[in-house]
C-alpha atoms as a PDB file:
ATOM      1  CA  UNK A   1       5.648 -26.010   1.950  1.00  0.00           C
ATOM      2  CA  UNK A   2       2.745 -26.533  -0.174  1.00  0.00           C
ATOM      3  CA  UNK A   3       1.395 -23.110   0.917  1.00  0.00           C
ATOM      4  CA  UNK A   4       4.869 -21.526  -0.271  1.00  0.00           C
ATOM      5  CA  UNK A   5       4.301 -23.000  -3.783  1.00  0.00           C
ATOM      6  CA  UNK A   6       0.721 -22.008  -3.849  1.00  0.00           C
ATOM      7  CA  UNK A   7       1.662 -18.574  -2.936  1.00  0.00           C
ATOM      8  CA  UNK A   8       4.540 -18.356  -5.356  1.00  0.00           C
ATOM      9  CA  UNK A   9       2.256 -19.316  -7.942  1.00  0.00           C
ATOM     10  CA  UNK A  10      -0.669 -16.888  -6.965  1.00  0.00           C
ATOM     11  CA  UNK A  11       1.868 -14.315  -6.977  1.00  0.00           C
ATOM     12  CA  UNK A  12       3.016 -15.237 -10.609  1.00  0.00           C
ATOM     13  CA  UNK A  13      -0.413 -14.983 -11.889  1.00  0.00           C
ATOM     14  CA  UNK A  14      -1.240 -11.677 -10.430  1.00  0.00           C
ATOM     15  CA  UNK A  15       1.784  -9.847 -10.758  1.00  0.00           C
ATOM     16  CA  UNK A  16       1.078  -6.361 -12.172  1.00  0.00           C
ATOM     17  CA  UNK A  17       2.279  -5.213 -15.505  1.00  0.00           C
ATOM     18  CA  UNK A  18       1.674  -2.224 -17.612  1.00  0.00           C
ATOM     19  CA  UNK A  19      -1.661  -3.038 -19.284  1.00  0.00           C
ATOM     20  CA  UNK A  20      -2.824  -5.582 -17.119  1.00  0.00           C
ATOM     21  CA  UNK A  21      -6.242  -6.175 -15.700  1.00  0.00           C
ATOM     22  CA  UNK A  22      -4.659  -6.163 -12.094  1.00  0.00           C
ATOM     23  CA  UNK A  23      -2.801  -3.038 -12.771  1.00  0.00           C
ATOM     24  CA  UNK A  24      -6.002  -1.259 -14.275  1.00  0.00           C
ATOM     25  CA  UNK A  25      -8.025  -2.196 -11.226  1.00  0.00           C
ATOM     26  CA  UNK A  26      -5.371  -1.355  -8.572  1.00  0.00           C
ATOM     27  CA  UNK A  27      -4.819   2.490 -10.522  1.00  0.00           C
ATOM     28  CA  UNK A  28      -8.837   2.964 -10.678  1.00  0.00           C
ATOM     29  CA  UNK A  29      -9.117   2.094  -7.108  1.00  0.00           C
ATOM     30  CA  UNK A  30      -6.202   4.176  -5.996  1.00  0.00           C
ATOM     31  CA  UNK A  31      -7.547   7.112  -8.056  1.00  0.00           C
ATOM     32  CA  UNK A  32     -11.184   6.685  -6.347  1.00  0.00           C
ATOM     33  CA  UNK A  33      -9.562   6.701  -2.732  1.00  0.00           C
ATOM     34  CA  UNK A  34      -7.107   9.229  -3.507  1.00  0.00           C
ATOM     35  CA  UNK A  35      -9.807  11.739  -4.696  1.00  0.00           C
ATOM     36  CA  UNK A  36     -11.919  10.569  -1.809  1.00  0.00           C
ATOM     37  CA  UNK A  37      -9.237  11.265   0.646  1.00  0.00           C
ATOM     38  CA  UNK A  38      -8.605  14.563  -1.049  1.00  0.00           C
ATOM     39  CA  UNK A  39     -11.451  15.743  -0.157  1.00  0.00           C
ATOM     40  CA  UNK A  40     -11.722  15.146   2.966  1.00  0.00           C
ATOM     41  CA  UNK A  41      -9.933  17.075   6.129  1.00  0.00           C
ATOM     42  CA  UNK A  42     -10.201  14.105   8.549  1.00  0.00           C
ATOM     43  CA  UNK A  43     -10.919  10.534   7.673  1.00  0.00           C
ATOM     44  CA  UNK A  44     -11.297   7.859  10.376  1.00  0.00           C
ATOM     45  CA  UNK A  45      -8.637   5.513  10.845  1.00  0.00           C
ATOM     46  CA  UNK A  46     -10.718   2.482  10.282  1.00  0.00           C
ATOM     47  CA  UNK A  47     -11.629   3.669   7.086  1.00  0.00           C
ATOM     48  CA  UNK A  48      -8.180   4.551   5.608  1.00  0.00           C
ATOM     49  CA  UNK A  49      -7.258   1.019   6.691  1.00  0.00           C
ATOM     50  CA  UNK A  50     -10.108  -0.791   4.734  1.00  0.00           C
ATOM     51  CA  UNK A  51      -8.936   1.504   1.704  1.00  0.00           C
ATOM     52  CA  UNK A  52      -5.264   0.684   2.075  1.00  0.00           C
ATOM     53  CA  UNK A  53      -6.152  -3.290   2.533  1.00  0.00           C
ATOM     54  CA  UNK A  54      -8.288  -3.037  -0.528  1.00  0.00           C
ATOM     55  CA  UNK A  55      -5.279  -1.481  -2.142  1.00  0.00           C
ATOM     56  CA  UNK A  56      -3.000  -4.020  -0.687  1.00  0.00           C
ATOM     57  CA  UNK A  57      -5.219  -6.928  -2.018  1.00  0.00           C
ATOM     58  CA  UNK A  58      -4.879  -5.779  -5.642  1.00  0.00           C
ATOM     59  CA  UNK A  59      -1.333  -5.840  -6.030  1.00  0.00           C
ATOM     60  CA  UNK A  60       1.598  -8.201  -5.693  1.00  0.00           C
ATOM     61  CA  UNK A  61       4.568  -5.817  -6.377  1.00  0.00           C
ATOM     62  CA  UNK A  62       6.833  -5.713  -3.764  1.00  0.00           C
ATOM     63  CA  UNK A  63       7.368  -1.964  -3.702  1.00  0.00           C
ATOM     64  CA  UNK A  64       3.877  -1.162  -3.940  1.00  0.00           C
ATOM     65  CA  UNK A  65       3.406  -3.652  -0.912  1.00  0.00           C
ATOM     66  CA  UNK A  66       6.028  -1.923   1.209  1.00  0.00           C
ATOM     67  CA  UNK A  67       4.733   1.426   0.486  1.00  0.00           C
ATOM     68  CA  UNK A  68       0.954   0.348   1.550  1.00  0.00           C
ATOM     69  CA  UNK A  69       2.348  -1.536   4.476  1.00  0.00           C
ATOM     70  CA  UNK A  70       4.176   1.583   5.471  1.00  0.00           C
ATOM     71  CA  UNK A  71       1.161   3.495   5.498  1.00  0.00           C
ATOM     72  CA  UNK A  72      -0.828   1.160   7.586  1.00  0.00           C
ATOM     73  CA  UNK A  73       1.698   1.185  10.089  1.00  0.00           C
ATOM     74  CA  UNK A  74       1.973   5.020  10.248  1.00  0.00           C
ATOM     75  CA  UNK A  75      -1.874   5.355  11.226  1.00  0.00           C
ATOM     76  CA  UNK A  76      -1.755   2.059  13.170  1.00  0.00           C
ATOM     77  CA  UNK A  77      -2.430   4.132  16.620  1.00  0.00           C
ATOM     78  CA  UNK A  78      -4.387   6.830  15.154  1.00  0.00           C
ATOM     79  CA  UNK A  79      -8.256   7.592  15.708  1.00  0.00           C
ATOM     80  CA  UNK A  80      -8.151   9.957  12.713  1.00  0.00           C
ATOM     81  CA  UNK A  81      -6.290  10.771   9.678  1.00  0.00           C
ATOM     82  CA  UNK A  82      -5.743  13.921   7.413  1.00  0.00           C
ATOM     83  CA  UNK A  83      -7.149  13.458   4.015  1.00  0.00           C
ATOM     84  CA  UNK A  84      -4.048  14.833   2.102  1.00  0.00           C
ATOM     85  CA  UNK A  85      -1.830  12.638   4.282  1.00  0.00           C
ATOM     86  CA  UNK A  86      -3.531   9.731   2.975  1.00  0.00           C
ATOM     87  CA  UNK A  87      -3.839  11.186  -0.481  1.00  0.00           C
ATOM     88  CA  UNK A  88      -0.184  11.260  -0.481  1.00  0.00           C
ATOM     89  CA  UNK A  89       0.408   7.698   0.801  1.00  0.00           C
ATOM     90  CA  UNK A  90      -1.905   6.386  -2.177  1.00  0.00           C
ATOM     91  CA  UNK A  91       0.169   8.613  -4.773  1.00  0.00           C
ATOM     92  CA  UNK A  92       2.999   7.278  -3.459  1.00  0.00           C
ATOM     93  CA  UNK A  93       1.925   3.569  -3.865  1.00  0.00           C
ATOM     94  CA  UNK A  94       1.003   4.303  -7.581  1.00  0.00           C
ATOM     95  CA  UNK A  95       4.428   5.720  -8.117  1.00  0.00           C
ATOM     96  CA  UNK A  96       5.781   2.842  -6.864  1.00  0.00           C
ATOM     97  CA  UNK A  97       3.549   0.771  -9.252  1.00  0.00           C
ATOM     98  CA  UNK A  98       4.853   2.757 -12.209  1.00  0.00           C
ATOM     99  CA  UNK A  99       8.737   2.187 -11.074  1.00  0.00           C
ATOM    100  CA  UNK A 100       8.319  -1.532 -10.789  1.00  0.00           C
ATOM    101  CA  UNK A 101       6.483  -1.770 -14.079  1.00  0.00           C
ATOM    102  CA  UNK A 102       9.542  -0.014 -15.675  1.00  0.00           C
ATOM    103  CA  UNK A 103      11.756  -2.558 -14.223  1.00  0.00           C
ATOM    104  CA  UNK A 104      10.020  -5.167 -16.017  1.00  0.00           C
ATOM    105  CA  UNK A 105      10.633  -3.450 -19.660  1.00  0.00           C
ATOM    106  CA  UNK A 106      14.526  -2.960 -18.486  1.00  0.00           C
ATOM    107  CA  UNK A 107      16.723  -5.586 -20.203  1.00  0.00           C
ATOM    108  CA  UNK A 108      20.340  -6.254 -18.973  1.00  0.00           C
ATOM    109  CA  UNK A 109      22.989  -7.462 -20.968  1.00  0.00           C
ATOM    110  CA  UNK A 110      25.660  -9.649 -19.843  1.00  0.00           C
END
């Protein structure tokens, strides 16, 4: 039970919000990876996994994590990944980050 409490506290501290350092780090790393992938015809699966795990470690947002986990699942049994496919996956994760951040600004009136 203590692990669950610790994980919840960690998630609260690292939630990405617009302008936060964690969100900025994610966006910078995502852009670096997207540019790298867009410039490659084919990338090794292990390199793609490394990049996706790096991004996964930089966010606690559920939608972003779901996108990244889906990308990881898609390349699980491949030996190579098209660079354009990797770039699209990263771009989708960035879009999910922006959507998640916009929900934090949403105020629901009773």
